[in-house]
N, C-alpha and C. Protein backbone atom coordinates (compact mmCIF):
# COMPACT_ATOMS: atom_id res chain seq x y z
N MET A 1 1.16 2.91 -9.11
CA MET A 1 -0.07 2.46 -9.72
C MET A 1 -0.10 3.03 -11.13
N LEU A 2 -0.40 2.17 -12.09
CA LEU A 2 -0.43 2.56 -13.47
C LEU A 2 -1.77 3.19 -13.79
N ARG A 3 -1.76 4.32 -14.42
CA ARG A 3 -3.00 5.03 -14.71
C ARG A 3 -3.34 4.86 -16.18
N THR A 4 -4.38 4.10 -16.45
CA THR A 4 -4.80 3.89 -17.82
C THR A 4 -5.91 4.85 -18.22
N ASP A 5 -6.51 5.53 -17.22
CA ASP A 5 -7.61 6.44 -17.52
C ASP A 5 -7.13 7.74 -18.17
N ARG A 6 -5.85 7.98 -18.18
CA ARG A 6 -5.32 9.22 -18.74
C ARG A 6 -4.93 9.08 -20.21
N VAL A 7 -5.02 7.88 -20.75
CA VAL A 7 -4.65 7.66 -22.13
C VAL A 7 -5.70 8.29 -23.03
N ALA A 8 -5.26 9.05 -24.01
CA ALA A 8 -6.19 9.73 -24.91
C ALA A 8 -6.95 8.71 -25.72
N GLN A 9 -8.26 8.86 -25.74
CA GLN A 9 -9.12 7.97 -26.51
C GLN A 9 -9.20 8.48 -27.94
N PRO A 10 -9.27 7.58 -28.93
CA PRO A 10 -9.34 8.02 -30.33
C PRO A 10 -10.55 8.91 -30.59
N GLU A 11 -11.69 8.64 -29.94
CA GLU A 11 -12.86 9.48 -30.15
C GLU A 11 -12.59 10.91 -29.69
N ALA A 12 -11.91 11.06 -28.58
CA ALA A 12 -11.62 12.39 -28.06
C ALA A 12 -10.71 13.15 -29.01
N LEU A 13 -9.74 12.47 -29.59
CA LEU A 13 -8.86 13.12 -30.54
C LEU A 13 -9.62 13.53 -31.79
N MET A 14 -10.54 12.71 -32.23
CA MET A 14 -11.32 13.03 -33.43
C MET A 14 -12.23 14.22 -33.18
N ASP A 15 -12.78 14.32 -31.96
CA ASP A 15 -13.65 15.45 -31.62
C ASP A 15 -12.91 16.77 -31.77
N THR A 16 -11.69 16.84 -31.24
CA THR A 16 -10.96 18.10 -31.27
C THR A 16 -10.54 18.46 -32.68
N GLU A 17 -10.33 17.45 -33.52
CA GLU A 17 -9.92 17.73 -34.89
C GLU A 17 -11.10 18.21 -35.74
N GLN A 18 -12.30 17.70 -35.46
CA GLN A 18 -13.43 17.99 -36.33
C GLN A 18 -14.06 19.34 -36.04
N GLU A 19 -14.25 19.67 -34.78
CA GLU A 19 -14.94 20.91 -34.47
C GLU A 19 -14.34 21.57 -33.23
N GLN A 20 -14.41 22.87 -33.17
CA GLN A 20 -13.92 23.60 -32.01
C GLN A 20 -15.03 23.66 -30.97
N LYS A 21 -14.64 23.56 -29.72
CA LYS A 21 -15.60 23.63 -28.62
C LYS A 21 -15.80 25.08 -28.21
N THR A 22 -16.99 25.36 -27.75
CA THR A 22 -17.28 26.71 -27.25
C THR A 22 -16.67 26.83 -25.86
N PRO A 23 -16.46 28.05 -25.39
CA PRO A 23 -15.92 28.22 -24.04
C PRO A 23 -16.79 27.56 -22.97
N ALA A 24 -18.08 27.57 -23.13
CA ALA A 24 -18.97 26.94 -22.15
C ALA A 24 -18.76 25.43 -22.14
N GLU A 25 -18.59 24.85 -23.33
CA GLU A 25 -18.35 23.41 -23.41
C GLU A 25 -17.01 23.04 -22.79
N LEU A 26 -16.00 23.86 -23.06
CA LEU A 26 -14.68 23.62 -22.48
C LEU A 26 -14.73 23.70 -20.95
N LYS A 27 -15.48 24.69 -20.44
CA LYS A 27 -15.62 24.84 -19.00
C LYS A 27 -16.30 23.62 -18.41
N GLU A 28 -17.34 23.14 -19.09
CA GLU A 28 -18.05 21.96 -18.61
C GLU A 28 -17.13 20.74 -18.60
N ILE A 29 -16.31 20.60 -19.62
CA ILE A 29 -15.35 19.49 -19.69
C ILE A 29 -14.35 19.58 -18.55
N ARG A 30 -13.84 20.81 -18.30
CA ARG A 30 -12.88 21.00 -17.20
C ARG A 30 -13.51 20.66 -15.86
N LEU A 31 -14.76 21.10 -15.64
CA LEU A 31 -15.44 20.83 -14.37
C LEU A 31 -15.68 19.33 -14.20
N ALA A 32 -16.06 18.66 -15.28
CA ALA A 32 -16.27 17.21 -15.21
C ALA A 32 -14.96 16.50 -14.89
N ARG A 33 -13.87 16.94 -15.52
CA ARG A 33 -12.56 16.33 -15.28
C ARG A 33 -12.14 16.57 -13.82
N ARG A 34 -12.36 17.78 -13.32
CA ARG A 34 -12.01 18.11 -11.94
C ARG A 34 -12.82 17.25 -10.96
N ALA A 35 -14.11 17.08 -11.24
CA ALA A 35 -14.96 16.26 -10.37
C ALA A 35 -14.47 14.81 -10.36
N ALA A 36 -14.08 14.31 -11.54
CA ALA A 36 -13.57 12.94 -11.63
C ALA A 36 -12.26 12.80 -10.85
N GLN A 37 -11.41 13.80 -10.95
CA GLN A 37 -10.14 13.77 -10.22
C GLN A 37 -10.37 13.82 -8.71
N GLU A 38 -11.32 14.62 -8.28
CA GLU A 38 -11.63 14.69 -6.85
C GLU A 38 -12.17 13.36 -6.35
N ALA A 39 -13.03 12.73 -7.12
CA ALA A 39 -13.58 11.42 -6.74
C ALA A 39 -12.46 10.39 -6.67
N GLU A 40 -11.55 10.44 -7.63
CA GLU A 40 -10.42 9.52 -7.63
C GLU A 40 -9.53 9.77 -6.41
N GLY A 41 -9.34 11.03 -6.05
CA GLY A 41 -8.54 11.37 -4.88
C GLY A 41 -9.17 10.86 -3.59
N VAL A 42 -10.48 11.00 -3.48
CA VAL A 42 -11.18 10.50 -2.29
C VAL A 42 -11.03 8.99 -2.20
N LYS A 43 -11.17 8.32 -3.34
CA LYS A 43 -11.04 6.86 -3.37
C LYS A 43 -9.62 6.45 -2.97
N ALA A 44 -8.63 7.14 -3.50
CA ALA A 44 -7.23 6.83 -3.18
C ALA A 44 -6.95 7.04 -1.69
N MET A 45 -7.47 8.13 -1.13
CA MET A 45 -7.26 8.38 0.29
C MET A 45 -7.93 7.30 1.15
N ALA A 46 -9.10 6.81 0.73
CA ALA A 46 -9.78 5.75 1.46
C ALA A 46 -8.95 4.47 1.41
N GLU A 47 -8.36 4.17 0.25
CA GLU A 47 -7.50 2.99 0.13
C GLU A 47 -6.28 3.11 1.03
N ILE A 48 -5.69 4.29 1.07
CA ILE A 48 -4.51 4.51 1.92
C ILE A 48 -4.88 4.35 3.39
N ALA A 49 -6.02 4.91 3.78
CA ALA A 49 -6.46 4.80 5.18
C ALA A 49 -6.73 3.34 5.54
N ALA A 50 -7.34 2.59 4.63
CA ALA A 50 -7.61 1.18 4.90
C ALA A 50 -6.31 0.39 5.03
N ALA A 51 -5.34 0.68 4.18
CA ALA A 51 -4.05 0.01 4.27
C ALA A 51 -3.36 0.36 5.58
N ASP A 52 -3.47 1.61 6.01
CA ASP A 52 -2.87 2.04 7.27
C ASP A 52 -3.49 1.30 8.45
N VAL A 53 -4.80 1.15 8.44
CA VAL A 53 -5.48 0.43 9.51
C VAL A 53 -5.02 -1.03 9.53
N ALA A 54 -4.90 -1.64 8.36
CA ALA A 54 -4.47 -3.03 8.29
C ALA A 54 -3.05 -3.19 8.81
N ILE A 55 -2.18 -2.26 8.47
CA ILE A 55 -0.79 -2.32 8.93
C ILE A 55 -0.73 -2.17 10.45
N ARG A 56 -1.48 -1.21 10.99
CA ARG A 56 -1.49 -1.02 12.44
C ARG A 56 -2.04 -2.24 13.17
N LYS A 57 -3.07 -2.86 12.62
CA LYS A 57 -3.65 -4.05 13.24
C LYS A 57 -2.64 -5.18 13.24
N ARG A 58 -1.98 -5.40 12.11
CA ARG A 58 -0.99 -6.48 12.01
C ARG A 58 0.18 -6.21 12.95
N THR A 59 0.62 -4.97 13.04
CA THR A 59 1.72 -4.62 13.94
C THR A 59 1.33 -4.89 15.39
N GLU A 60 0.10 -4.55 15.75
CA GLU A 60 -0.37 -4.78 17.11
C GLU A 60 -0.39 -6.28 17.43
N GLU A 61 -0.83 -7.10 16.47
CA GLU A 61 -0.86 -8.55 16.68
C GLU A 61 0.56 -9.10 16.84
N LEU A 62 1.47 -8.66 15.98
CA LEU A 62 2.85 -9.13 16.07
C LEU A 62 3.52 -8.70 17.37
N ARG A 63 3.23 -7.49 17.81
CA ARG A 63 3.80 -7.00 19.06
C ARG A 63 3.30 -7.84 20.23
N ALA A 64 2.00 -8.15 20.24
CA ALA A 64 1.44 -8.97 21.31
C ALA A 64 2.09 -10.35 21.31
N LEU A 65 2.29 -10.94 20.14
CA LEU A 65 2.95 -12.25 20.07
C LEU A 65 4.39 -12.18 20.59
N ARG A 66 5.10 -11.13 20.19
CA ARG A 66 6.50 -10.98 20.63
C ARG A 66 6.57 -10.81 22.13
N LEU A 67 5.71 -9.95 22.69
CA LEU A 67 5.73 -9.73 24.14
C LEU A 67 5.37 -11.00 24.90
N ALA A 68 4.42 -11.77 24.38
CA ALA A 68 4.05 -13.03 25.03
C ALA A 68 5.22 -14.01 24.99
N ARG A 69 5.90 -14.08 23.85
CA ARG A 69 7.05 -14.98 23.72
C ARG A 69 8.17 -14.55 24.67
N GLU A 70 8.44 -13.24 24.75
CA GLU A 70 9.49 -12.75 25.65
C GLU A 70 9.14 -13.01 27.11
N ALA A 71 7.87 -12.84 27.48
CA ALA A 71 7.45 -13.11 28.86
C ALA A 71 7.60 -14.58 29.18
N ASP A 72 7.28 -15.44 28.22
CA ASP A 72 7.42 -16.88 28.42
C ASP A 72 8.89 -17.25 28.58
N GLU A 73 9.75 -16.64 27.79
CA GLU A 73 11.19 -16.92 27.89
C GLU A 73 11.75 -16.46 29.23
N LEU A 74 11.25 -15.34 29.75
CA LEU A 74 11.72 -14.87 31.06
C LEU A 74 11.22 -15.79 32.18
N ALA A 75 9.99 -16.26 32.08
CA ALA A 75 9.43 -17.13 33.11
C ALA A 75 10.06 -18.52 33.05
N ASN A 76 10.31 -19.01 31.88
CA ASN A 76 10.90 -20.35 31.70
C ASN A 76 12.12 -20.24 30.80
N PRO A 77 13.25 -19.87 31.37
CA PRO A 77 14.43 -19.71 30.52
C PRO A 77 14.85 -21.07 29.94
N PRO A 78 15.31 -21.08 28.72
CA PRO A 78 15.75 -22.34 28.12
C PRO A 78 17.01 -22.85 28.82
N GLU A 79 17.12 -24.17 28.91
CA GLU A 79 18.30 -24.74 29.56
C GLU A 79 19.51 -24.53 28.67
N PRO A 80 20.64 -24.19 29.30
CA PRO A 80 21.83 -23.97 28.48
C PRO A 80 22.28 -25.29 27.85
N LYS A 81 22.76 -25.21 26.65
CA LYS A 81 23.24 -26.40 25.96
C LYS A 81 24.59 -26.80 26.54
N PRO A 82 24.80 -28.10 26.70
CA PRO A 82 26.11 -28.52 27.20
C PRO A 82 27.17 -28.27 26.12
N LYS A 83 28.33 -27.86 26.58
CA LYS A 83 29.39 -27.56 25.63
C LYS A 83 29.91 -28.88 25.06
N ALA A 84 30.14 -28.85 23.78
CA ALA A 84 30.66 -30.05 23.11
C ALA A 84 32.15 -30.18 23.41
N THR A 85 32.56 -31.39 23.66
CA THR A 85 34.00 -31.62 23.91
C THR A 85 34.66 -31.89 22.57
N ARG A 86 35.86 -31.38 22.45
CA ARG A 86 36.61 -31.57 21.21
C ARG A 86 37.30 -32.92 21.23
N LYS A 87 37.30 -33.52 20.11
CA LYS A 87 38.05 -34.78 19.98
C LYS A 87 39.49 -34.44 19.68
N LYS A 88 40.37 -35.16 20.30
CA LYS A 88 41.80 -34.92 20.02
C LYS A 88 42.18 -35.60 18.73
N LYS A 89 42.95 -34.87 17.97
CA LYS A 89 43.43 -35.42 16.72
C LYS A 89 44.58 -36.37 16.99
N THR A 90 44.53 -37.50 16.33
CA THR A 90 45.66 -38.42 16.44
C THR A 90 46.35 -38.50 15.10
N SER A 91 47.69 -38.34 15.11
CA SER A 91 48.42 -38.38 13.87
C SER A 91 49.38 -39.52 13.83
């Protein structure tokens, strides 16, 4: 997944060039960044869990179809194909 939220914004670059931040402001920025990262992590984990549920559901459906097909084949085996006879070559 491509992360575009990590690209430095021009305004942010201009802020650091123009004035120095106080330690309290830096701490607040770090805490805000950490909170955003945690929220992003929770969202990512929810997406992964949803994908896992979808995969398990699809696998269960495919397994049921396969088992039904195999049971049908055992109950009604297909008739063997008659062997083709070879034509003799005449020279």
